[in-house]
């Protein structure tokens, strides 16, 4: 009987701390018309915008790598935009687990439809994961699938 009470107490503790950790993540809504303001390059610095989804198996695998990359390159300008129609709590839990709780995080607030995708890239069909790198001149390059972080480091001109 003691063991089952201990198990229940442990589960309650994990639930409470997991919820508290998820609350430290700040999510901003992304809506049609936000692309230009989000992708403004500051001081000629390149930018990466990473589109991901909670229900995307490749994204689940890759997000912790993004967390490690950002930890090693804290001055890198990266924006994360979550595209699935899921609860904010599930987004926050995944970001927290990946070490991205302090990152520049957005979620698609309206349906992820053709207008939103067209504003971002008329050739993109919304597949995830997708990363768009915008260089210092404003030229955008889209990469669908898992990211090569060494290549990303060179595209963002980060010195190791």
Protein backbone atom coordinates (compact mmCIF):
# COMPACT_ATOMS: atom_id res chain seq x y z
CA UNK A 1 0.00 0.00 0.00
CA UNK A 2 2.87 2.39 0.82
CA UNK A 3 4.34 1.86 -2.60
CA UNK A 4 1.14 2.83 -4.36
CA UNK A 5 0.77 6.03 -2.27
CA UNK A 6 4.38 6.90 -3.04
CA UNK A 7 3.69 6.32 -6.72
CA UNK A 8 0.63 8.57 -6.59
CA UNK A 9 2.54 11.31 -4.76
CA UNK A 10 5.40 11.06 -7.25
CA UNK A 11 2.98 11.30 -10.17
CA UNK A 12 1.27 14.35 -8.64
CA UNK A 13 4.66 15.99 -8.03
CA UNK A 14 5.78 15.35 -11.62
CA UNK A 15 2.50 16.68 -12.98
CA UNK A 16 2.73 19.86 -10.89
CA UNK A 17 6.39 20.54 -11.70
CA UNK A 18 5.86 19.68 -15.39
CA UNK A 19 2.99 22.16 -15.57
CA UNK A 20 5.00 24.81 -13.75
CA UNK A 21 7.93 24.38 -16.13
CA UNK A 22 5.64 24.64 -19.15
CA UNK A 23 4.37 27.97 -17.83
CA UNK A 24 7.83 29.53 -18.13
CA UNK A 25 7.63 29.37 -21.95
CA UNK A 26 6.40 32.52 -23.66
CA UNK A 27 4.40 31.94 -26.84
CA UNK A 28 3.41 34.78 -29.14
CA UNK A 29 0.59 34.41 -31.65
CA UNK A 30 1.57 34.54 -35.31
CA UNK A 31 -1.10 35.91 -37.63
CA UNK A 32 -1.34 36.77 -41.30
CA UNK A 33 0.65 39.95 -41.86
CA UNK A 34 3.32 39.24 -39.21
CA UNK A 35 5.97 37.83 -41.59
CA UNK A 36 7.63 41.14 -42.51
CA UNK A 37 7.94 42.35 -38.92
CA UNK A 38 9.27 39.01 -37.66
CA UNK A 39 11.85 38.67 -40.42
CA UNK A 40 13.35 42.14 -40.33
CA UNK A 41 17.09 41.70 -40.19
CA UNK A 42 18.69 43.79 -37.52
CA UNK A 43 22.07 45.39 -38.20
CA UNK A 44 22.51 43.18 -41.25
CA UNK A 45 22.44 40.06 -39.06
CA UNK A 46 21.11 36.90 -40.72
CA UNK A 47 18.05 35.16 -39.29
CA UNK A 48 16.65 31.64 -39.25
CA UNK A 49 12.92 30.94 -38.96
CA UNK A 50 12.11 27.36 -38.05
CA UNK A 51 8.61 25.95 -38.62
CA UNK A 52 7.81 22.91 -36.53
CA UNK A 53 4.88 20.93 -35.17
CA UNK A 54 4.16 19.05 -31.97
CA UNK A 55 2.70 16.17 -34.02
CA UNK A 56 5.66 16.02 -36.44
CA UNK A 57 7.92 13.02 -35.53
CA UNK A 58 10.99 14.61 -37.19
CA UNK A 59 10.35 17.83 -35.26
CA UNK A 60 10.13 15.94 -31.95
CA UNK A 61 13.54 14.41 -32.74
CA UNK A 62 15.13 17.66 -33.93
CA UNK A 63 13.90 20.25 -31.41
CA UNK A 64 16.39 19.25 -28.66
CA UNK A 65 19.17 19.74 -31.25
CA UNK A 66 17.85 23.27 -31.85
CA UNK A 67 18.02 23.81 -28.09
CA UNK A 68 21.66 22.71 -28.03
CA UNK A 69 22.47 24.87 -31.06
CA UNK A 70 20.91 27.95 -29.48
CA UNK A 71 22.69 27.27 -26.18
CA UNK A 72 26.05 27.16 -28.02
CA UNK A 73 25.13 30.21 -30.14
CA UNK A 74 23.08 32.46 -27.82
CA UNK A 75 23.41 35.59 -29.98
CA UNK A 76 21.97 33.89 -33.05
CA UNK A 77 18.68 35.30 -34.24
CA UNK A 78 16.27 32.37 -34.56
CA UNK A 79 12.47 32.42 -34.55
CA UNK A 80 10.47 29.26 -33.90
CA UNK A 81 6.92 29.00 -35.25
CA UNK A 82 4.72 26.06 -34.24
CA UNK A 83 2.12 25.24 -36.91
CA UNK A 84 -0.05 22.42 -35.48
CA UNK A 85 -3.53 22.97 -34.09
CA UNK A 86 -2.71 21.75 -30.57
CA UNK A 87 -2.93 23.15 -27.06
CA UNK A 88 -0.46 25.78 -25.94
CA UNK A 89 0.36 23.52 -23.01
CA UNK A 90 1.62 20.77 -25.36
CA UNK A 91 3.69 23.35 -27.29
CA UNK A 92 5.20 24.70 -24.07
CA UNK A 93 6.05 21.24 -22.76
CA UNK A 94 7.87 20.33 -25.97
CA UNK A 95 9.77 23.64 -26.05
CA UNK A 96 10.74 23.31 -22.40
CA UNK A 97 11.92 19.72 -22.88
CA UNK A 98 14.00 20.86 -25.87
CA UNK A 99 15.64 23.69 -23.90
CA UNK A 100 13.86 26.33 -25.98
CA UNK A 101 11.77 27.88 -23.22
CA UNK A 102 13.62 31.21 -23.55
CA UNK A 103 13.68 31.21 -27.36
CA UNK A 104 11.70 33.51 -29.64
CA UNK A 105 8.58 31.29 -29.89
CA UNK A 106 5.43 31.82 -31.93
CA UNK A 107 2.44 29.68 -32.77
CA UNK A 108 0.05 29.97 -35.70
CA UNK A 109 -3.02 31.61 -34.13
CA UNK A 110 -5.41 31.24 -37.09
CA UNK A 111 -5.80 28.19 -39.32
CA UNK A 112 -2.55 27.38 -41.13
CA UNK A 113 -4.01 27.98 -44.56
CA UNK A 114 -2.84 29.01 -48.02
CA UNK A 115 -2.81 32.73 -47.18
CA UNK A 116 -0.41 32.23 -44.27
CA UNK A 117 1.87 29.93 -46.25
CA UNK A 118 1.79 32.17 -49.35
CA UNK A 119 2.86 35.19 -47.27
CA UNK A 120 5.85 33.24 -45.98
CA UNK A 121 6.86 31.53 -49.25
CA UNK A 122 4.53 31.08 -52.25
CA UNK A 123 6.34 27.83 -53.18
CA UNK A 124 6.01 26.27 -49.70
CA UNK A 125 3.17 23.82 -49.00
CA UNK A 126 3.51 23.84 -45.20
CA UNK A 127 5.57 20.71 -44.65
CA UNK A 128 7.49 20.48 -41.37
CA UNK A 129 10.15 20.78 -40.29
CA UNK A 130 11.08 23.68 -42.53
CA UNK A 131 13.73 26.31 -41.92
CA UNK A 132 14.02 29.57 -43.80
CA UNK A 133 17.34 31.40 -43.53
CA UNK A 134 17.32 35.08 -44.41
CA UNK A 135 20.78 36.46 -45.10
CA UNK A 136 21.98 39.98 -44.33
CA UNK A 137 20.81 41.20 -47.76
CA UNK A 138 17.28 39.87 -47.16
CA UNK A 139 17.53 36.85 -49.51
CA UNK A 140 15.58 33.87 -48.17
CA UNK A 141 16.59 30.22 -48.59
CA UNK A 142 14.15 27.47 -47.57
CA UNK A 143 15.20 24.01 -46.35
CA UNK A 144 12.55 21.37 -45.73
CA UNK A 145 13.53 18.46 -43.50
CA UNK A 146 16.11 18.09 -40.78
CA UNK A 147 18.73 20.82 -40.51
CA UNK A 148 22.46 20.36 -40.93
CA UNK A 149 23.53 22.48 -37.96
CA UNK A 150 27.11 22.92 -39.23
CA UNK A 151 25.76 24.32 -42.48
CA UNK A 152 23.30 26.50 -40.54
CA UNK A 153 26.18 27.83 -38.45
CA UNK A 154 28.00 28.91 -41.62
CA UNK A 155 24.84 30.40 -43.17
CA UNK A 156 24.29 32.46 -40.05
CA UNK A 157 27.99 33.40 -40.07
CA UNK A 158 28.56 32.21 -36.51
CA UNK A 159 32.15 31.86 -35.45
CA UNK A 160 32.84 28.71 -33.43
